[in-house]
Amino acid sequence: MFIGPRAIILPGVTVGKGAVVAAGAVVTKDIPDFSIVGGVPAQIIGERKTKDLHYKLGRARWFR
């Protein structure tokens, strides 16, 4: 999941696995898995094509 800067997620709202909330979005409803949402109020504007959530940090040595 990625939540952009200045996004507002209201209490009780669930953001799905792998979802992306755009910067400045106001999320008022539950967000399905792997969707991309944005706007006020937030609406689905796309879907993530990759379902593989194995992230790799480029400089993992810094985070040990």
PDB file of N, CA and C in Angstrom:
ATOM      1  N   MET A   1       0.844  -1.163   0.000  1.00  0.00           N
ATOM      2  CA  MET A   1       0.000   0.000   0.000  1.00  0.00           C
ATOM      3  C   MET A   1       0.895   1.233   0.000  1.00  0.00           C
ATOM      4  N   PHE A   2       0.470   2.238  -0.733  1.00  0.00           N
ATOM      5  CA  PHE A   2       1.177   3.519  -0.751  1.00  0.00           C
ATOM      6  C   PHE A   2       0.149   4.622  -0.545  1.00  0.00           C
ATOM      7  N   ILE A   3       0.422   5.507   0.402  1.00  0.00           N
ATOM      8  CA  ILE A   3      -0.460   6.640   0.653  1.00  0.00           C
ATOM      9  C   ILE A   3       0.333   7.910   0.374  1.00  0.00           C
ATOM     10  N   GLY A   4      -0.130   8.680  -0.590  1.00  0.00           N
ATOM     11  CA  GLY A   4       0.557   9.901  -0.993  1.00  0.00           C
ATOM     12  C   GLY A   4       0.470  10.992   0.062  1.00  0.00           C
ATOM     13  N   PRO A   5       1.302  12.029  -0.087  1.00  0.00           N
ATOM     14  CA  PRO A   5       1.310  13.123   0.883  1.00  0.00           C
ATOM     15  C   PRO A   5      -0.011  13.885   0.909  1.00  0.00           C
ATOM     16  N   ARG A   6      -0.381  14.336   2.092  1.00  0.00           N
ATOM     17  CA  ARG A   6      -1.584  15.126   2.341  1.00  0.00           C
ATOM     18  C   ARG A   6      -2.874  14.391   2.013  1.00  0.00           C
ATOM     19  N   ALA A   7      -2.826  13.063   1.902  1.00  0.00           N
ATOM     20  CA  ALA A   7      -4.047  12.280   1.695  1.00  0.00           C
ATOM     21  C   ALA A   7      -4.774  12.172   3.031  1.00  0.00           C
ATOM     22  N   ILE A   8      -6.094  12.157   2.976  1.00  0.00           N
ATOM     23  CA  ILE A   8      -6.916  12.022   4.173  1.00  0.00           C
ATOM     24  C   ILE A   8      -7.728  10.751   4.039  1.00  0.00           C
ATOM     25  N   ILE A   9      -7.595   9.881   5.032  1.00  0.00           N
ATOM     26  CA  ILE A   9      -8.361   8.636   5.060  1.00  0.00           C
ATOM     27  C   ILE A   9      -9.261   8.713   6.288  1.00  0.00           C
ATOM     28  N   LEU A  10     -10.562   8.693   6.066  1.00  0.00           N
ATOM     29  CA  LEU A  10     -11.514   8.849   7.154  1.00  0.00           C
ATOM     30  C   LEU A  10     -11.525   7.619   8.057  1.00  0.00           C
ATOM     31  N   PRO A  11     -11.915   7.789   9.320  1.00  0.00           N
ATOM     32  CA  PRO A  11     -11.957   6.667  10.256  1.00  0.00           C
ATOM     33  C   PRO A  11     -12.897   5.561   9.764  1.00  0.00           C
ATOM     34  N   GLY A  12     -12.485   4.324   9.982  1.00  0.00           N
ATOM     35  CA  GLY A  12     -13.302   3.176   9.604  1.00  0.00           C
ATOM     36  C   GLY A  12     -13.137   2.724   8.171  1.00  0.00           C
ATOM     37  N   VAL A  13     -12.352   3.430   7.375  1.00  0.00           N
ATOM     38  CA  VAL A  13     -12.135   3.083   5.967  1.00  0.00           C
ATOM     39  C   VAL A  13     -10.965   2.111   5.877  1.00  0.00           C
ATOM     40  N   THR A  14     -11.109   1.084   5.048  1.00  0.00           N
ATOM     41  CA  THR A  14     -10.064   0.088   4.849  1.00  0.00           C
ATOM     42  C   THR A  14      -9.416   0.290   3.486  1.00  0.00           C
ATOM     43  N   VAL A  15      -8.097   0.364   3.476  1.00  0.00           N
ATOM     44  CA  VAL A  15      -7.339   0.470   2.223  1.00  0.00           C
ATOM     45  C   VAL A  15      -6.795  -0.913   1.921  1.00  0.00           C
ATOM     46  N   GLY A  16      -7.128  -1.446   0.748  1.00  0.00           N
ATOM     47  CA  GLY A  16      -6.768  -2.810   0.386  1.00  0.00           C
ATOM     48  C   GLY A  16      -5.283  -3.020   0.159  1.00  0.00           C
ATOM     49  N   LYS A  17      -4.910  -4.280   0.122  1.00  0.00           N
ATOM     50  CA  LYS A  17      -3.524  -4.698  -0.098  1.00  0.00           C
ATOM     51  C   LYS A  17      -3.051  -4.230  -1.471  1.00  0.00           C
ATOM     52  N   GLY A  18      -1.893  -3.573  -1.501  1.00  0.00           N
ATOM     53  CA  GLY A  18      -1.307  -3.125  -2.752  1.00  0.00           C
ATOM     54  C   GLY A  18      -1.968  -1.915  -3.367  1.00  0.00           C
ATOM     55  N   ALA A  19      -2.889  -1.266  -2.660  1.00  0.00           N
ATOM     56  CA  ALA A  19      -3.595  -0.101  -3.200  1.00  0.00           C
ATOM     57  C   ALA A  19      -2.705   1.136  -3.148  1.00  0.00           C
ATOM     58  N   VAL A  20      -3.021   2.106  -4.004  1.00  0.00           N
ATOM     59  CA  VAL A  20      -2.295   3.375  -4.057  1.00  0.00           C
ATOM     60  C   VAL A  20      -3.305   4.499  -3.895  1.00  0.00           C
ATOM     61  N   VAL A  21      -3.045   5.373  -2.909  1.00  0.00           N
ATOM     62  CA  VAL A  21      -3.885   6.546  -2.691  1.00  0.00           C
ATOM     63  C   VAL A  21      -3.079   7.759  -3.134  1.00  0.00           C
ATOM     64  N   ALA A  22      -3.600   8.503  -4.103  1.00  0.00           N
ATOM     65  CA  ALA A  22      -2.883   9.649  -4.673  1.00  0.00           C
ATOM     66  C   ALA A  22      -2.763  10.783  -3.664  1.00  0.00           C
ATOM     67  N   ALA A  23      -1.823  11.674  -3.928  1.00  0.00           N
ATOM     68  CA  ALA A  23      -1.586  12.830  -3.066  1.00  0.00           C
ATOM     69  C   ALA A  23      -2.834  13.714  -3.001  1.00  0.00           C
ATOM     70  N   GLY A  24      -3.201  14.121  -1.802  1.00  0.00           N
ATOM     71  CA  GLY A  24      -4.322  15.023  -1.607  1.00  0.00           C
ATOM     72  C   GLY A  24      -5.692  14.388  -1.717  1.00  0.00           C
ATOM     73  N   ALA A  25      -5.766  13.076  -1.871  1.00  0.00           N
ATOM     74  CA  ALA A  25      -7.058  12.409  -1.999  1.00  0.00           C
ATOM     75  C   ALA A  25      -7.771  12.369  -0.654  1.00  0.00           C
ATOM     76  N   VAL A  26      -9.093  12.375  -0.699  1.00  0.00           N
ATOM     77  CA  VAL A  26      -9.906  12.204   0.509  1.00  0.00           C
ATOM     78  C   VAL A  26     -10.678  10.905   0.344  1.00  0.00           C
ATOM     79  N   VAL A  27     -10.267   9.892   1.102  1.00  0.00           N
ATOM     80  CA  VAL A  27     -10.845   8.552   0.970  1.00  0.00           C
ATOM     81  C   VAL A  27     -12.008   8.425   1.939  1.00  0.00           C
ATOM     82  N   THR A  28     -13.220   8.219   1.392  1.00  0.00           N
ATOM     83  CA  THR A  28     -14.424   8.122   2.206  1.00  0.00           C
ATOM     84  C   THR A  28     -15.020   6.727   2.215  1.00  0.00           C
ATOM     85  N   LYS A  29     -14.588   5.861   1.295  1.00  0.00           N
ATOM     86  CA  LYS A  29     -15.113   4.496   1.194  1.00  0.00           C
ATOM     87  C   LYS A  29     -13.956   3.515   1.156  1.00  0.00           C
ATOM     88  N   ASP A  30     -14.241   2.243   1.414  1.00  0.00           N
ATOM     89  CA  ASP A  30     -13.215   1.208   1.359  1.00  0.00           C
ATOM     90  C   ASP A  30     -12.615   1.122  -0.041  1.00  0.00           C
ATOM     91  N   ILE A  31     -11.303   0.867  -0.078  1.00  0.00           N
ATOM     92  CA  ILE A  31     -10.571   0.778  -1.344  1.00  0.00           C
ATOM     93  C   ILE A  31     -10.240  -0.694  -1.608  1.00  0.00           C
ATOM     94  N   PRO A  32     -10.615  -1.229  -2.781  1.00  0.00           N
ATOM     95  CA  PRO A  32     -10.297  -2.626  -3.086  1.00  0.00           C
ATOM     96  C   PRO A  32      -8.794  -2.851  -3.265  1.00  0.00           C
ATOM     97  N   ASP A  33      -8.387  -4.108  -3.183  1.00  0.00           N
ATOM     98  CA  ASP A  33      -6.987  -4.476  -3.387  1.00  0.00           C
ATOM     99  C   ASP A  33      -6.512  -4.045  -4.773  1.00  0.00           C
ATOM    100  N   PHE A  34      -5.260  -3.601  -4.851  1.00  0.00           N
ATOM    101  CA  PHE A  34      -4.550  -3.270  -6.088  1.00  0.00           C
ATOM    102  C   PHE A  34      -5.197  -2.155  -6.912  1.00  0.00           C
ATOM    103  N   SER A  35      -6.014  -1.284  -6.296  1.00  0.00           N
ATOM    104  CA  SER A  35      -6.576  -0.167  -7.049  1.00  0.00           C
ATOM    105  C   SER A  35      -5.793   1.111  -6.822  1.00  0.00           C
ATOM    106  N   ILE A  36      -5.952   2.017  -7.754  1.00  0.00           N
ATOM    107  CA  ILE A  36      -5.324   3.337  -7.669  1.00  0.00           C
ATOM    108  C   ILE A  36      -6.472   4.336  -7.551  1.00  0.00           C
ATOM    109  N   VAL A  37      -6.451   5.140  -6.483  1.00  0.00           N
ATOM    110  CA  VAL A  37      -7.531   6.093  -6.265  1.00  0.00           C
ATOM    111  C   VAL A  37      -6.985   7.501  -6.113  1.00  0.00           C
ATOM    112  N   GLY A  38      -7.811   8.474  -6.453  1.00  0.00           N
ATOM    113  CA  GLY A  38      -7.428   9.866  -6.309  1.00  0.00           C
ATOM    114  C   GLY A  38      -8.643  10.760  -6.417  1.00  0.00           C
ATOM    115  N   GLY A  39      -8.505  11.994  -5.945  1.00  0.00           N
ATOM    116  CA  GLY A  39      -9.574  12.972  -6.050  1.00  0.00           C
ATOM    117  C   GLY A  39     -10.250  13.248  -4.726  1.00  0.00           C
ATOM    118  N   VAL A  40     -11.211  14.189  -4.783  1.00  0.00           N
ATOM    119  CA  VAL A  40     -11.985  14.561  -3.607  1.00  0.00           C
ATOM    120  C   VAL A  40     -13.452  14.479  -3.988  1.00  0.00           C
ATOM    121  N   PRO A  41     -14.213  13.522  -3.526  1.00  0.00           N
ATOM    122  CA  PRO A  41     -13.799  12.323  -2.790  1.00  0.00           C
ATOM    123  C   PRO A  41     -13.078  11.351  -3.715  1.00  0.00           C
ATOM    124  N   ALA A  42     -12.286  10.476  -3.137  1.00  0.00           N
ATOM    125  CA  ALA A  42     -11.459   9.559  -3.926  1.00  0.00           C
ATOM    126  C   ALA A  42     -12.315   8.602  -4.755  1.00  0.00           C
ATOM    127  N   GLN A  43     -11.897   8.433  -6.004  1.00  0.00           N
ATOM    128  CA  GLN A  43     -12.545   7.499  -6.922  1.00  0.00           C
ATOM    129  C   GLN A  43     -11.469   6.635  -7.552  1.00  0.00           C
ATOM    130  N   ILE A  44     -11.857   5.458  -7.990  1.00  0.00           N
ATOM    131  CA  ILE A  44     -10.897   4.565  -8.638  1.00  0.00           C
ATOM    132  C   ILE A  44     -10.540   5.148  -9.998  1.00  0.00           C
ATOM    133  N   ILE A  45      -9.227   5.357 -10.219  1.00  0.00           N
ATOM    134  CA  ILE A  45      -8.770   5.905 -11.492  1.00  0.00           C
ATOM    135  C   ILE A  45      -7.929   4.893 -12.261  1.00  0.00           C
ATOM    136  N   GLY A  46      -7.683   3.742 -11.665  1.00  0.00           N
ATOM    137  CA  GLY A  46      -6.913   2.713 -12.342  1.00  0.00           C
ATOM    138  C   GLY A  46      -6.729   1.503 -11.459  1.00  0.00           C
ATOM    139  N   GLU A  47      -6.001   0.541 -12.012  1.00  0.00           N
ATOM    140  CA  GLU A  47      -5.705  -0.684 -11.282  1.00  0.00           C
ATOM    141  C   GLU A  47      -4.253  -1.058 -11.521  1.00  0.00           C
ATOM    142  N   ARG A  48      -3.583  -1.510 -10.471  1.00  0.00           N
ATOM    143  CA  ARG A  48      -2.182  -1.917 -10.610  1.00  0.00           C
ATOM    144  C   ARG A  48      -2.116  -3.212 -11.401  1.00  0.00           C
ATOM    145  N   LYS A  49      -1.257  -3.245 -12.393  1.00  0.00           N
ATOM    146  CA  LYS A  49      -1.128  -4.434 -13.228  1.00  0.00           C
ATOM    147  C   LYS A  49      -0.320  -5.520 -12.538  1.00  0.00           C
ATOM    148  N   THR A  50       0.700  -5.108 -11.798  1.00  0.00           N
ATOM    149  CA  THR A  50       1.513  -6.100 -11.111  1.00  0.00           C
ATOM    150  C   THR A  50       0.870  -6.476  -9.780  1.00  0.00           C
ATOM    151  N   LYS A  51       0.721  -7.747  -9.548  1.00  0.00           N
ATOM    152  CA  LYS A  51       0.159  -8.237  -8.295  1.00  0.00           C
ATOM    153  C   LYS A  51       1.255  -8.793  -7.399  1.00  0.00           C
ATOM    154  N   ASP A  52       2.511  -8.702  -7.839  1.00  0.00           N
ATOM    155  CA  ASP A  52       3.650  -9.201  -7.076  1.00  0.00           C
ATOM    156  C   ASP A  52       4.129  -8.101  -6.145  1.00  0.00           C
ATOM    157  N   LEU A  53       3.987  -8.302  -4.846  1.00  0.00           N
ATOM    158  CA  LEU A  53       4.316  -7.259  -3.886  1.00  0.00           C
ATOM    159  C   LEU A  53       5.634  -7.508  -3.165  1.00  0.00           C
ATOM    160  N   HIS A  54       6.617  -8.013  -3.869  1.00  0.00           N
ATOM    161  CA  HIS A  54       7.938  -8.224  -3.282  1.00  0.00           C
ATOM    162  C   HIS A  54       8.786  -7.007  -3.596  1.00  0.00           C
ATOM    163  N   TYR A  55       8.830  -6.066  -2.644  1.00  0.00           N
ATOM    164  CA  TYR A  55       9.582  -4.844  -2.837  1.00  0.00           C
ATOM    165  C   TYR A  55      11.036  -5.070  -2.471  1.00  0.00           C
ATOM    166  N   LYS A  56      11.922  -4.374  -3.159  1.00  0.00           N
ATOM    167  CA  LYS A  56      13.351  -4.480  -2.893  1.00  0.00           C
ATOM    168  C   LYS A  56      13.926  -3.075  -2.814  1.00  0.00           C
ATOM    169  N   LEU A  57      14.551  -2.767  -1.680  1.00  0.00           N
ATOM    170  CA  LEU A  57      15.168  -1.461  -1.527  1.00  0.00           C
ATOM    171  C   LEU A  57      16.495  -1.431  -2.263  1.00  0.00           C
ATOM    172  N   GLY A  58      16.758  -0.355  -2.967  1.00  0.00           N
ATOM    173  CA  GLY A  58      17.997  -0.230  -3.710  1.00  0.00           C
ATOM    174  C   GLY A  58      19.215  -0.115  -2.812  1.00  0.00           C
ATOM    175  N   ARG A  59      19.056   0.478  -1.648  1.00  0.00           N
ATOM    176  CA  ARG A  59      20.176   0.679  -0.716  1.00  0.00           C
ATOM    177  C   ARG A  59      19.826   0.075   0.635  1.00  0.00           C
ATOM    178  N   ALA A  60      19.514  -1.201   0.622  1.00  0.00           N
ATOM    179  CA  ALA A  60      19.067  -1.883   1.834  1.00  0.00           C
ATOM    180  C   ALA A  60      20.106  -1.831   2.950  1.00  0.00           C
ATOM    181  N   ARG A  61      21.366  -1.651   2.625  1.00  0.00           N
ATOM    182  CA  ARG A  61      22.411  -1.592   3.622  1.00  0.00           C
ATOM    183  C   ARG A  61      22.158  -0.461   4.637  1.00  0.00           C
ATOM    184  N   TRP A  62      21.532   0.619   4.207  1.00  0.00           N
ATOM    185  CA  TRP A  62      21.271   1.754   5.083  1.00  0.00           C
ATOM    186  C   TRP A  62      20.215   1.426   6.127  1.00  0.00           C
ATOM    187  N   PHE A  63      19.358   0.476   5.841  1.00  0.00           N
ATOM    188  CA  PHE A  63      18.213   0.214   6.701  1.00  0.00           C
ATOM    189  C   PHE A  63      18.415  -0.992   7.622  1.00  0.00           C
ATOM    190  N   ARG A  64      19.621  -1.444   7.799  1.00  0.00           N
ATOM    191  CA  ARG A  64      19.866  -2.591   8.676  1.00  0.00           C
ATOM    192  C   ARG A  64      20.010  -2.168  10.100  1.00  0.00           C
TER     193      ARG A  64
END
